[in-house]
Amino acid sequence: MFFVYVLQSRKNGRLYAGFTVNLERRLAEHNLGRTKSIRFVRPLVLLYFEKFLTRLEAARRERYLKSGIGREELSNILACAENELGGGVAQLGERLLCKQEVTGSNPVTSKI
C-alpha cells in the first residue's frame, strides 16, 4: 500500500506533498529534520492523505497535486473539509473529505 500525503508547516503555513509506504515513519522523518528540503520549516502536521495500491498510481497523484490544477483541487478539498469540520483541518487524516471522491484512490476507513 502506498500513501500520498500533504503536510503543512506550522512555521510558514505552506503545504508539502509526497508519497511513501509508511506514513507514520515518513512524518516522523520530516519532523526530525531528515528531509533536507523542508527541515527548516518544521514542525509539520499531516493534513490529508490518500491510499493507493501501486507505486505508479501514488507517484502520478503526487505529481498531479504539485501541479497548478492539482494545487487548486487540493485547496478546494481542504476548504470544504474546513467548513465541514469547523476549522479542524489540521486534525484530518481521512482520504474521503466532504464526500468528494478522488479518482484512482482507495477509501481509507480509519485514521493511521
N, C-alpha and C. Protein backbone atom coordinates (compact mmCIF):
# COMPACT_ATOMS: atom_id res chain seq x y z
N MET A 1 0.83 -1.17 0.00
CA MET A 1 0.00 0.00 0.00
C MET A 1 0.89 1.25 0.00
N PHE A 2 0.50 2.22 -0.78
CA PHE A 2 1.24 3.48 -0.88
C PHE A 2 0.34 4.63 -0.46
N PHE A 3 0.93 5.63 0.15
CA PHE A 3 0.20 6.80 0.62
C PHE A 3 0.73 8.06 -0.05
N VAL A 4 -0.16 8.88 -0.53
CA VAL A 4 0.17 10.24 -0.95
C VAL A 4 -0.29 11.11 0.19
N TYR A 5 0.58 12.00 0.66
CA TYR A 5 0.25 12.79 1.84
C TYR A 5 0.51 14.27 1.58
N VAL A 6 -0.18 15.09 2.36
CA VAL A 6 0.02 16.53 2.30
C VAL A 6 0.30 17.00 3.73
N LEU A 7 1.43 17.67 3.89
CA LEU A 7 1.82 18.22 5.18
C LEU A 7 1.70 19.73 5.13
N GLN A 8 1.50 20.33 6.29
CA GLN A 8 1.50 21.78 6.38
C GLN A 8 2.52 22.18 7.43
N SER A 9 3.31 23.19 7.09
CA SER A 9 4.29 23.71 8.02
C SER A 9 3.59 24.61 9.03
N ARG A 10 3.85 24.39 10.30
CA ARG A 10 3.32 25.28 11.33
C ARG A 10 4.11 26.58 11.36
N LYS A 11 5.28 26.57 10.76
CA LYS A 11 6.14 27.76 10.77
C LYS A 11 5.72 28.77 9.70
N ASN A 12 5.45 28.30 8.47
CA ASN A 12 5.11 29.25 7.40
C ASN A 12 3.77 28.96 6.73
N GLY A 13 3.09 27.90 7.13
CA GLY A 13 1.77 27.59 6.60
C GLY A 13 1.74 26.94 5.22
N ARG A 14 2.89 26.77 4.59
CA ARG A 14 2.93 26.17 3.25
C ARG A 14 2.61 24.69 3.29
N LEU A 15 2.12 24.19 2.15
CA LEU A 15 1.78 22.78 2.00
C LEU A 15 2.89 22.05 1.26
N TYR A 16 3.12 20.80 1.64
CA TYR A 16 4.13 19.96 1.02
C TYR A 16 3.53 18.59 0.76
N ALA A 17 3.70 18.06 -0.44
CA ALA A 17 3.14 16.76 -0.82
C ALA A 17 4.26 15.76 -1.07
N GLY A 18 3.95 14.49 -0.80
CA GLY A 18 4.91 13.43 -1.05
C GLY A 18 4.18 12.10 -1.06
N PHE A 19 4.93 11.00 -1.27
CA PHE A 19 4.33 9.68 -1.16
C PHE A 19 5.31 8.72 -0.50
N THR A 20 4.74 7.68 0.12
CA THR A 20 5.53 6.74 0.91
C THR A 20 4.75 5.45 1.10
N VAL A 21 5.43 4.42 1.62
CA VAL A 21 4.75 3.19 2.00
C VAL A 21 4.43 3.18 3.50
N ASN A 22 5.14 3.97 4.28
CA ASN A 22 4.94 4.01 5.72
C ASN A 22 4.71 5.46 6.14
N LEU A 23 3.47 5.82 6.29
CA LEU A 23 3.11 7.21 6.56
C LEU A 23 3.60 7.70 7.92
N GLU A 24 3.46 6.90 8.94
CA GLU A 24 3.91 7.30 10.28
C GLU A 24 5.42 7.54 10.31
N ARG A 25 6.17 6.61 9.71
CA ARG A 25 7.63 6.74 9.69
C ARG A 25 8.04 7.99 8.92
N ARG A 26 7.39 8.22 7.78
CA ARG A 26 7.76 9.36 6.94
C ARG A 26 7.46 10.69 7.63
N LEU A 27 6.33 10.78 8.30
CA LEU A 27 6.01 12.01 9.04
C LEU A 27 7.04 12.25 10.14
N ALA A 28 7.43 11.17 10.83
CA ALA A 28 8.46 11.29 11.88
C ALA A 28 9.78 11.76 11.27
N GLU A 29 10.17 11.22 10.12
CA GLU A 29 11.41 11.64 9.46
C GLU A 29 11.36 13.12 9.11
N HIS A 30 10.23 13.58 8.58
CA HIS A 30 10.09 15.00 8.26
C HIS A 30 10.27 15.85 9.52
N ASN A 31 9.62 15.46 10.59
CA ASN A 31 9.67 16.27 11.81
C ASN A 31 10.98 16.16 12.58
N LEU A 32 11.77 15.16 12.27
CA LEU A 32 13.10 15.04 12.86
C LEU A 32 14.16 15.78 12.03
N GLY A 33 13.75 16.34 10.90
CA GLY A 33 14.68 17.10 10.06
C GLY A 33 15.49 16.25 9.11
N ARG A 34 15.07 15.03 8.84
CA ARG A 34 15.82 14.15 7.95
C ARG A 34 15.53 14.38 6.48
N THR A 35 14.62 15.30 6.18
CA THR A 35 14.33 15.66 4.79
C THR A 35 14.91 17.05 4.57
N LYS A 36 16.01 17.13 3.83
CA LYS A 36 16.75 18.38 3.68
C LYS A 36 15.91 19.53 3.14
N SER A 37 15.03 19.21 2.18
CA SER A 37 14.30 20.29 1.51
C SER A 37 13.33 21.04 2.42
N ILE A 38 12.82 20.39 3.46
CA ILE A 38 11.84 21.08 4.31
C ILE A 38 12.20 21.04 5.80
N ARG A 39 13.44 20.76 6.13
CA ARG A 39 13.79 20.64 7.54
C ARG A 39 13.74 21.97 8.29
N PHE A 40 13.83 23.10 7.57
CA PHE A 40 13.82 24.40 8.24
C PHE A 40 12.41 24.96 8.45
N VAL A 41 11.40 24.22 8.03
CA VAL A 41 10.02 24.70 8.19
C VAL A 41 9.24 23.82 9.18
N ARG A 42 9.96 23.07 9.98
CA ARG A 42 9.32 22.23 10.99
C ARG A 42 8.75 23.09 12.10
N PRO A 43 7.76 22.61 12.82
CA PRO A 43 7.11 21.31 12.75
C PRO A 43 6.09 21.24 11.61
N LEU A 44 5.82 20.02 11.19
CA LEU A 44 4.87 19.75 10.11
C LEU A 44 3.72 18.90 10.65
N VAL A 45 2.54 19.18 10.15
CA VAL A 45 1.37 18.38 10.55
C VAL A 45 0.77 17.74 9.31
N LEU A 46 0.24 16.55 9.48
CA LEU A 46 -0.42 15.84 8.40
C LEU A 46 -1.82 16.41 8.22
N LEU A 47 -2.10 16.92 7.02
CA LEU A 47 -3.42 17.46 6.72
C LEU A 47 -4.30 16.46 6.01
N TYR A 48 -3.69 15.64 5.15
CA TYR A 48 -4.50 14.87 4.20
C TYR A 48 -3.67 13.73 3.66
N PHE A 49 -4.30 12.59 3.42
CA PHE A 49 -3.61 11.52 2.71
C PHE A 49 -4.60 10.70 1.91
N GLU A 50 -4.05 10.00 0.92
CA GLU A 50 -4.80 9.10 0.06
C GLU A 50 -4.03 7.79 -0.01
N LYS A 51 -4.75 6.71 -0.20
CA LYS A 51 -4.16 5.38 -0.22
C LYS A 51 -4.23 4.82 -1.64
N PHE A 52 -3.13 4.22 -2.11
CA PHE A 52 -3.07 3.65 -3.46
C PHE A 52 -2.48 2.25 -3.41
N LEU A 53 -2.86 1.43 -4.38
CA LEU A 53 -2.36 0.06 -4.44
C LEU A 53 -0.98 -0.03 -5.06
N THR A 54 -0.66 0.86 -6.00
CA THR A 54 0.64 0.77 -6.69
C THR A 54 1.45 2.05 -6.53
N ARG A 55 2.75 1.86 -6.64
CA ARG A 55 3.68 2.99 -6.57
C ARG A 55 3.42 3.97 -7.71
N LEU A 56 3.13 3.44 -8.89
CA LEU A 56 2.89 4.28 -10.06
C LEU A 56 1.70 5.20 -9.84
N GLU A 57 0.60 4.66 -9.31
CA GLU A 57 -0.58 5.49 -9.04
C GLU A 57 -0.26 6.59 -8.03
N ALA A 58 0.47 6.24 -6.99
CA ALA A 58 0.83 7.20 -5.96
C ALA A 58 1.74 8.29 -6.52
N ALA A 59 2.72 7.91 -7.32
CA ALA A 59 3.64 8.88 -7.91
C ALA A 59 2.90 9.84 -8.84
N ARG A 60 1.97 9.31 -9.61
CA ARG A 60 1.19 10.16 -10.51
C ARG A 60 0.32 11.14 -9.73
N ARG A 61 -0.30 10.65 -8.65
CA ARG A 61 -1.16 11.53 -7.85
C ARG A 61 -0.34 12.62 -7.17
N GLU A 62 0.84 12.27 -6.65
CA GLU A 62 1.71 13.27 -6.02
C GLU A 62 2.09 14.33 -7.04
N ARG A 63 2.49 13.91 -8.22
CA ARG A 63 2.88 14.84 -9.27
C ARG A 63 1.70 15.75 -9.64
N TYR A 64 0.50 15.17 -9.71
CA TYR A 64 -0.70 15.95 -10.02
C TYR A 64 -0.96 16.99 -8.93
N LEU A 65 -0.86 16.60 -7.66
CA LEU A 65 -1.12 17.54 -6.57
C LEU A 65 -0.10 18.67 -6.53
N LYS A 66 1.06 18.45 -7.10
CA LYS A 66 2.09 19.50 -7.15
C LYS A 66 1.92 20.41 -8.37
N SER A 67 1.01 20.03 -9.28
CA SER A 67 0.77 20.86 -10.46
C SER A 67 -0.20 21.98 -10.10
N GLY A 68 -0.35 22.94 -10.96
CA GLY A 68 -1.24 24.07 -10.70
C GLY A 68 -2.68 23.64 -10.48
N ILE A 69 -3.18 22.80 -11.36
CA ILE A 69 -4.57 22.35 -11.25
C ILE A 69 -4.75 21.44 -10.04
N GLY A 70 -3.72 20.66 -9.72
CA GLY A 70 -3.78 19.79 -8.55
C GLY A 70 -3.78 20.58 -7.25
N ARG A 71 -2.99 21.65 -7.20
CA ARG A 71 -2.97 22.52 -6.02
C ARG A 71 -4.33 23.17 -5.82
N GLU A 72 -4.95 23.53 -6.92
CA GLU A 72 -6.30 24.12 -6.86
C GLU A 72 -7.30 23.10 -6.32
N GLU A 73 -7.24 21.86 -6.81
CA GLU A 73 -8.14 20.82 -6.32
C GLU A 73 -7.91 20.56 -4.84
N LEU A 74 -6.66 20.48 -4.43
CA LEU A 74 -6.33 20.25 -3.03
C LEU A 74 -6.85 21.39 -2.16
N SER A 75 -6.70 22.60 -2.65
CA SER A 75 -7.21 23.76 -1.92
C SER A 75 -8.72 23.66 -1.72
N ASN A 76 -9.44 23.22 -2.76
CA ASN A 76 -10.88 23.06 -2.66
C ASN A 76 -11.26 21.96 -1.67
N ILE A 77 -10.53 20.85 -1.70
CA ILE A 77 -10.79 19.74 -0.78
C ILE A 77 -10.59 20.19 0.66
N LEU A 78 -9.48 20.89 0.92
CA LEU A 78 -9.18 21.34 2.28
C LEU A 78 -10.16 22.40 2.74
N ALA A 79 -10.56 23.30 1.85
CA ALA A 79 -11.53 24.34 2.21
C ALA A 79 -12.88 23.72 2.55
N CYS A 80 -13.28 22.74 1.77
CA CYS A 80 -14.55 22.05 2.03
C CYS A 80 -14.49 21.33 3.37
N ALA A 81 -13.39 20.67 3.65
CA ALA A 81 -13.23 19.95 4.91
C ALA A 81 -13.21 20.92 6.08
N GLU A 82 -12.56 22.05 5.91
CA GLU A 82 -12.50 23.05 6.98
C GLU A 82 -13.90 23.55 7.31
N ASN A 83 -14.71 23.81 6.28
CA ASN A 83 -16.08 24.25 6.50
C ASN A 83 -16.89 23.18 7.22
N GLU A 84 -16.71 21.94 6.80
CA GLU A 84 -17.46 20.83 7.37
C GLU A 84 -17.04 20.53 8.80
N LEU A 85 -15.74 20.67 9.09
CA LEU A 85 -15.22 20.34 10.41
C LEU A 85 -15.09 21.55 11.33
N GLY A 86 -15.46 22.71 10.86
CA GLY A 86 -15.40 23.90 11.69
C GLY A 86 -13.99 24.34 12.02
N GLY A 87 -13.11 24.31 11.04
CA GLY A 87 -11.75 24.81 11.24
C GLY A 87 -10.76 23.77 11.72
N GLY A 88 -11.13 22.51 11.76
CA GLY A 88 -10.23 21.48 12.26
C GLY A 88 -9.40 20.81 11.18
N VAL A 89 -8.93 21.56 10.21
CA VAL A 89 -8.21 20.96 9.09
C VAL A 89 -6.97 20.20 9.55
N ALA A 90 -6.26 20.70 10.53
CA ALA A 90 -5.04 20.03 10.98
C ALA A 90 -5.34 18.68 11.63
N GLN A 91 -6.60 18.41 11.94
CA GLN A 91 -6.96 17.16 12.57
C GLN A 91 -7.48 16.13 11.57
N LEU A 92 -7.35 16.38 10.29
CA LEU A 92 -7.88 15.47 9.29
C LEU A 92 -7.13 14.15 9.29
N GLY A 93 -6.95 13.56 8.15
CA GLY A 93 -6.28 12.27 8.08
C GLY A 93 -7.12 11.26 7.34
N GLU A 94 -8.24 11.65 6.81
CA GLU A 94 -9.07 10.75 6.02
C GLU A 94 -8.96 11.14 4.56
N ARG A 95 -8.99 10.14 3.69
CA ARG A 95 -8.92 10.42 2.27
C ARG A 95 -10.23 10.98 1.76
N LEU A 96 -11.32 10.52 2.28
CA LEU A 96 -12.63 10.93 1.81
C LEU A 96 -13.07 12.14 2.61
N LEU A 97 -13.02 13.30 2.01
CA LEU A 97 -13.38 14.54 2.68
C LEU A 97 -14.55 15.17 1.96
N CYS A 98 -15.49 15.67 2.68
CA CYS A 98 -16.63 16.38 2.10
C CYS A 98 -17.35 15.54 1.06
N LYS A 99 -17.31 14.24 1.24
CA LYS A 99 -17.99 13.32 0.33
C LYS A 99 -17.54 13.47 -1.11
N GLN A 100 -16.30 13.92 -1.32
CA GLN A 100 -15.74 14.05 -2.67
C GLN A 100 -14.88 12.84 -2.95
N GLU A 101 -15.12 12.18 -4.05
CA GLU A 101 -14.30 11.05 -4.44
C GLU A 101 -13.08 11.55 -5.20
N VAL A 102 -11.96 10.93 -4.97
CA VAL A 102 -10.73 11.27 -5.66
C VAL A 102 -10.43 10.13 -6.61
N THR A 103 -10.34 10.42 -7.88
CA THR A 103 -10.13 9.40 -8.90
C THR A 103 -8.85 8.62 -8.65
N GLY A 104 -8.96 7.31 -8.65
CA GLY A 104 -7.78 6.45 -8.55
C GLY A 104 -7.38 6.08 -7.14
N SER A 105 -7.97 6.68 -6.15
CA SER A 105 -7.55 6.36 -4.78
C SER A 105 -8.57 5.42 -4.14
N ASN A 106 -8.15 4.75 -3.12
CA ASN A 106 -8.99 3.81 -2.40
C ASN A 106 -9.43 4.45 -1.10
N PRO A 107 -10.67 4.26 -0.69
CA PRO A 107 -11.14 4.86 0.56
C PRO A 107 -10.32 4.40 1.76
N VAL A 108 -10.08 5.29 2.66
CA VAL A 108 -9.40 4.99 3.91
C VAL A 108 -10.47 5.04 4.98
N THR A 109 -10.67 3.96 5.67
CA THR A 109 -11.79 3.90 6.60
C THR A 109 -11.44 4.33 8.01
N SER A 110 -10.17 4.35 8.35
CA SER A 110 -9.80 4.78 9.68
C SER A 110 -8.50 5.56 9.65
N LYS A 111 -8.27 6.31 10.72
CA LYS A 111 -7.02 7.07 10.80
C LYS A 111 -5.88 6.11 11.03
N ILE A 112 -4.69 6.61 10.86
CA ILE A 112 -3.49 5.77 10.97
C ILE A 112 -3.38 5.14 12.33
